[in-house]
Structures are given as structure tokens and as C-alpha cells.
Amino acid sequence: MAYSKNYMHRRKSRLLFGSWRGVTHLWFKERINKEAVEYERVRRDEELIHWDKEVDALKIYMAQLQEKIRVEVQAREELARTYESSLNRGTAQLNEETRQLAENPLVREISLIVAKELMNKSKQDPHFANMLNANHSQH
């Protein structure tokens, strides 16, 4: 009789522990699934935070580049204005000096002498006259 009681007790204990093992196994699988979903959510949030920081850093870099480009464009515009102003001043100075030279009596006298010599030479050399006429017609 003791054997039967022990056998029955062992059988009940084995069935109880077998059931308990099955239940805890189901709980473990549910917990693993929940933790996997939570782990994926946490990793996704971490990745989103990381890429948000990267995007913010790139936005700041782009803003800095835009500012540098704006400054460079302004500098180029100022340089173009300075160049144009300098060119205009140089042209005005050249025109003024040319006018002063043209009004100089000595330069007028030399110009007349050179013109007379050219006329005489063109009368003597028809080839030279053709060159002067060709050169004159180009201007």
C-alpha cells in the first residue's frame, strides 16, 4: 500500500511539475515576445534619436554654408563694383591726359609734321598709300 501511495504521489507530483513546466514555458515565450517587441521599439527610438541628431547637425552645417556663400557673393559683388569704379577712373584719367596732350602746342606741331611726312611718303610710294587707306578704312 505504501508503494501505491508513493507511486500515486510521485505521479501527481510529476504531472503537477509537468503542467507547471508547460505553463512557465508559455509565460517565458510570452515574456520573450514582449521583450523582443520592446527591444525593437527601444532600438528604433535610439536610431531615430541618432539620425535626428545627424540631420540637425547637417542642417546647421548647411546654414553655415549658406552664410559663407552669402558672404562670398557680397564680397564678389563689392569686388566687381570696385573693379568697375577703378576701370572708370582709369579711363577718365586716360581721356583727360589725352585731351591735355592734344591741347599741347608742341604735340600739335609734331602731329602736323608727322602728318605731312606721311602724306609725302604716300605720294611717293603707292604701296604705302594703300596701307594707310586700308588702315584708315578699318577704323
C-alpha atoms as a PDB file:
ATOM      1  CA  MET A   1       0.000   0.000   0.000  1.00  0.00           C
ATOM      2  CA  ALA A   2       2.863   2.351   0.722  1.00  0.00           C
ATOM      3  CA  TYR A   3       4.158   1.629  -2.749  1.00  0.00           C
ATOM      4  CA  SER A   4       0.817   2.644  -4.283  1.00  0.00           C
ATOM      5  CA  LYS A   5       0.656   5.805  -2.224  1.00  0.00           C
ATOM      6  CA  ASN A   6       4.202   6.712  -3.162  1.00  0.00           C
ATOM      7  CA  TYR A   7       3.503   5.863  -6.794  1.00  0.00           C
ATOM      8  CA  MET A   8       0.334   7.996  -6.765  1.00  0.00           C
ATOM      9  CA  HIS A   9       2.139  10.865  -5.005  1.00  0.00           C
ATOM     10  CA  ARG A  10       5.068  10.723  -7.446  1.00  0.00           C
ATOM     11  CA  ARG A  11       2.635  10.590 -10.378  1.00  0.00           C
ATOM     12  CA  LYS A  12       0.700  13.623  -9.103  1.00  0.00           C
ATOM     13  CA  SER A  13       3.941  15.498  -8.433  1.00  0.00           C
ATOM     14  CA  ARG A  14       5.274  14.606 -11.911  1.00  0.00           C
ATOM     15  CA  LEU A  15       2.002  15.715 -13.555  1.00  0.00           C
ATOM     16  CA  LEU A  16       1.938  18.885 -11.446  1.00  0.00           C
ATOM     17  CA  PHE A  17       5.559  19.762 -12.290  1.00  0.00           C
ATOM     18  CA  GLY A  18       4.990  18.813 -15.935  1.00  0.00           C
ATOM     19  CA  SER A  19       1.983  21.151 -16.069  1.00  0.00           C
ATOM     20  CA  TRP A  20       3.928  23.819 -14.237  1.00  0.00           C
ATOM     21  CA  ARG A  21       6.817  23.442 -16.717  1.00  0.00           C
ATOM     22  CA  GLY A  22       4.369  23.819 -19.606  1.00  0.00           C
ATOM     23  CA  VAL A  23       2.763  26.934 -18.073  1.00  0.00           C
ATOM     24  CA  THR A  24       6.091  28.563 -17.258  1.00  0.00           C
ATOM     25  CA  HIS A  25       7.310  27.755 -20.757  1.00  0.00           C
ATOM     26  CA  LEU A  26       4.294  29.601 -22.216  1.00  0.00           C
ATOM     27  CA  TRP A  27       4.913  32.513 -19.847  1.00  0.00           C
ATOM     28  CA  PHE A  28       8.576  32.555 -20.896  1.00  0.00           C
ATOM     29  CA  LYS A  29       7.657  32.634 -24.600  1.00  0.00           C
ATOM     30  CA  GLU A  30       5.160  35.466 -23.998  1.00  0.00           C
ATOM     31  CA  ARG A  31       7.756  37.385 -21.985  1.00  0.00           C
ATOM     32  CA  ILE A  32      10.391  36.869 -24.679  1.00  0.00           C
ATOM     33  CA  ASN A  33       7.956  38.107 -27.350  1.00  0.00           C
ATOM     34  CA  LYS A  34       7.061  41.183 -25.281  1.00  0.00           C
ATOM     35  CA  GLU A  35      10.729  41.896 -24.566  1.00  0.00           C
ATOM     36  CA  ALA A  36      11.581  41.470 -28.251  1.00  0.00           C
ATOM     37  CA  VAL A  37       8.891  43.981 -29.225  1.00  0.00           C
ATOM     38  CA  GLU A  38      10.086  46.362 -26.503  1.00  0.00           C
ATOM     39  CA  TYR A  39      13.738  45.867 -27.524  1.00  0.00           C
ATOM     40  CA  GLU A  40      12.877  46.630 -31.164  1.00  0.00           C
ATOM     41  CA  ARG A  41      10.953  49.754 -30.107  1.00  0.00           C
ATOM     42  CA  VAL A  42      13.839  50.956 -27.920  1.00  0.00           C
ATOM     43  CA  ARG A  43      16.393  50.301 -30.702  1.00  0.00           C
ATOM     44  CA  ARG A  44      14.181  52.088 -33.252  1.00  0.00           C
ATOM     45  CA  ASP A  45      13.808  55.063 -30.900  1.00  0.00           C
ATOM     46  CA  GLU A  46      17.579  55.143 -30.348  1.00  0.00           C
ATOM     47  CA  GLU A  47      18.180  55.051 -34.115  1.00  0.00           C
ATOM     48  CA  LEU A  48      15.616  57.811 -34.650  1.00  0.00           C
ATOM     49  CA  ILE A  49      17.272  59.960 -31.986  1.00  0.00           C
ATOM     50  CA  HIS A  50      20.693  59.288 -33.534  1.00  0.00           C
ATOM     51  CA  TRP A  51      19.528  60.200 -37.046  1.00  0.00           C
ATOM     52  CA  ASP A  52      17.624  63.239 -35.756  1.00  0.00           C
ATOM     53  CA  LYS A  53      20.896  64.475 -34.253  1.00  0.00           C
ATOM     54  CA  GLU A  54      22.690  63.768 -37.550  1.00  0.00           C
ATOM     55  CA  VAL A  55      20.029  65.656 -39.516  1.00  0.00           C
ATOM     56  CA  ASP A  56      20.183  68.590 -37.083  1.00  0.00           C
ATOM     57  CA  ALA A  57      23.980  68.692 -37.413  1.00  0.00           C
ATOM     58  CA  LEU A  58      23.670  68.674 -41.211  1.00  0.00           C
ATOM     59  CA  LYS A  59      21.060  71.450 -41.065  1.00  0.00           C
ATOM     60  CA  ILE A  60      23.461  73.560 -39.006  1.00  0.00           C
ATOM     61  CA  TYR A  61      26.267  72.788 -41.466  1.00  0.00           C
ATOM     62  CA  MET A  62      24.024  73.768 -44.405  1.00  0.00           C
ATOM     63  CA  ALA A  63      23.098  77.029 -42.667  1.00  0.00           C
ATOM     64  CA  GLN A  64      26.805  77.762 -42.167  1.00  0.00           C
ATOM     65  CA  LEU A  65      27.489  77.023 -45.830  1.00  0.00           C
ATOM     66  CA  GLN A  66      24.620  79.281 -46.895  1.00  0.00           C
ATOM     67  CA  GLU A  67      26.058  82.075 -44.753  1.00  0.00           C
ATOM     68  CA  LYS A  68      29.525  81.566 -46.234  1.00  0.00           C
ATOM     69  CA  ILE A  69      28.071  81.621 -49.746  1.00  0.00           C
ATOM     70  CA  ARG A  70      26.129  84.794 -48.970  1.00  0.00           C
ATOM     71  CA  VAL A  71      29.288  86.472 -47.628  1.00  0.00           C
ATOM     72  CA  GLU A  72      31.271  85.356 -50.677  1.00  0.00           C
ATOM     73  CA  VAL A  73      28.601  86.642 -53.065  1.00  0.00           C
ATOM     74  CA  GLN A  74      28.633  90.006 -51.296  1.00  0.00           C
ATOM     75  CA  ALA A  75      32.435  90.111 -51.457  1.00  0.00           C
ATOM     76  CA  ARG A  76      32.370  89.294 -55.179  1.00  0.00           C
ATOM     77  CA  GLU A  77      29.765  91.987 -55.833  1.00  0.00           C
ATOM     78  CA  GLU A  78      31.845  94.529 -53.904  1.00  0.00           C
ATOM     79  CA  LEU A  79      34.962  93.472 -55.823  1.00  0.00           C
ATOM     80  CA  ALA A  80      33.090  93.859 -59.137  1.00  0.00           C
ATOM     81  CA  ARG A  81      31.937  97.353 -58.128  1.00  0.00           C
ATOM     82  CA  THR A  82      35.463  98.289 -57.058  1.00  0.00           C
ATOM     83  CA  TYR A  83      36.905  96.939 -60.298  1.00  0.00           C
ATOM     84  CA  GLU A  84      34.339  98.798 -62.408  1.00  0.00           C
ATOM     85  CA  SER A  85      34.902 102.021 -60.467  1.00  0.00           C
ATOM     86  CA  SER A  86      38.661 101.663 -60.813  1.00  0.00           C
ATOM     87  CA  LEU A  87      38.325 100.965 -64.519  1.00  0.00           C
ATOM     88  CA  ASN A  88      36.099 104.023 -64.978  1.00  0.00           C
ATOM     89  CA  ARG A  89      38.540 106.229 -63.044  1.00  0.00           C
ATOM     90  CA  GLY A  90      41.413 104.902 -65.143  1.00  0.00           C
ATOM     91  CA  THR A  91      39.523 105.576 -68.377  1.00  0.00           C
ATOM     92  CA  ALA A  92      38.623 109.083 -67.250  1.00  0.00           C
ATOM     93  CA  GLN A  93      42.271 109.720 -66.297  1.00  0.00           C
ATOM     94  CA  LEU A  94      43.464 108.437 -69.690  1.00  0.00           C
ATOM     95  CA  ASN A  95      40.923 110.603 -71.525  1.00  0.00           C
ATOM     96  CA  GLU A  96      41.959 113.653 -69.505  1.00  0.00           C
ATOM     97  CA  GLU A  97      45.657 113.118 -70.174  1.00  0.00           C
ATOM     98  CA  THR A  98      44.975 112.513 -73.877  1.00  0.00           C
ATOM     99  CA  ARG A  99      42.971 115.753 -74.025  1.00  0.00           C
ATOM    100  CA  GLN A 100      45.799 117.639 -72.322  1.00  0.00           C
ATOM    101  CA  LEU A 101      48.317 116.194 -74.760  1.00  0.00           C
ATOM    102  CA  ALA A 102      46.084 117.101 -77.717  1.00  0.00           C
ATOM    103  CA  GLU A 103      45.905 120.693 -76.466  1.00  0.00           C
ATOM    104  CA  ASN A 104      49.681 120.934 -76.051  1.00  0.00           C
ATOM    105  CA  PRO A 105      51.067 123.166 -78.873  1.00  0.00           C
ATOM    106  CA  LEU A 106      54.270 121.149 -79.162  1.00  0.00           C
ATOM    107  CA  VAL A 107      52.333 117.892 -79.640  1.00  0.00           C
ATOM    108  CA  ARG A 108      50.110 119.606 -82.240  1.00  0.00           C
ATOM    109  CA  GLU A 109      53.158 120.813 -84.118  1.00  0.00           C
ATOM    110  CA  ILE A 110      54.760 117.343 -84.030  1.00  0.00           C
ATOM    111  CA  SER A 111      51.499 115.761 -85.146  1.00  0.00           C
ATOM    112  CA  LEU A 112      51.297 118.134 -88.096  1.00  0.00           C
ATOM    113  CA  ILE A 113      54.897 117.369 -89.083  1.00  0.00           C
ATOM    114  CA  VAL A 114      54.251 113.611 -88.867  1.00  0.00           C
ATOM    115  CA  ALA A 115      51.056 114.004 -90.895  1.00  0.00           C
ATOM    116  CA  LYS A 116      52.914 115.974 -93.622  1.00  0.00           C
ATOM    117  CA  GLU A 117      55.642 113.325 -93.757  1.00  0.00           C
ATOM    118  CA  LEU A 118      53.058 110.579 -94.101  1.00  0.00           C
ATOM    119  CA  MET A 119      51.340 112.481 -96.905  1.00  0.00           C
ATOM    120  CA  ASN A 120      54.631 112.985 -98.746  1.00  0.00           C
ATOM    121  CA  LYS A 121      55.582 109.333 -98.304  1.00  0.00           C
ATOM    122  CA  SER A 122      52.159 108.179 -99.541  1.00  0.00           C
ATOM    123  CA  LYS A 123      52.553 110.342-102.647  1.00  0.00           C
ATOM    124  CA  GLN A 124      55.933 108.768-103.366  1.00  0.00           C
ATOM    125  CA  ASP A 125      55.030 105.141-102.512  1.00  0.00           C
ATOM    126  CA  PRO A 126      51.625 103.851-103.786  1.00  0.00           C
ATOM    127  CA  HIS A 127      52.000 100.685-101.713  1.00  0.00           C
ATOM    128  CA  PHE A 128      52.345 102.827 -98.558  1.00  0.00           C
ATOM    129  CA  ALA A 129      49.294 104.869 -99.619  1.00  0.00           C
ATOM    130  CA  ASN A 130      47.255 101.657 -99.948  1.00  0.00           C
ATOM    131  CA  MET A 131      48.388 100.581 -96.456  1.00  0.00           C
ATOM    132  CA  LEU A 132      47.338 103.942 -94.993  1.00  0.00           C
ATOM    133  CA  ASN A 133      43.987 103.846 -96.761  1.00  0.00           C
ATOM    134  CA  ALA A 134      43.390 100.222 -95.656  1.00  0.00           C
ATOM    135  CA  ASN A 135      44.378 101.071 -92.092  1.00  0.00           C
ATOM    136  CA  HIS A 136      42.158 104.168 -92.157  1.00  0.00           C
ATOM    137  CA  SER A 137      39.148 102.247 -93.504  1.00  0.00           C
ATOM    138  CA  GLN A 138      39.413  99.650 -90.712  1.00  0.00           C
ATOM    139  CA  HIS A 139      38.917 102.326 -88.033  1.00  0.00           C
END
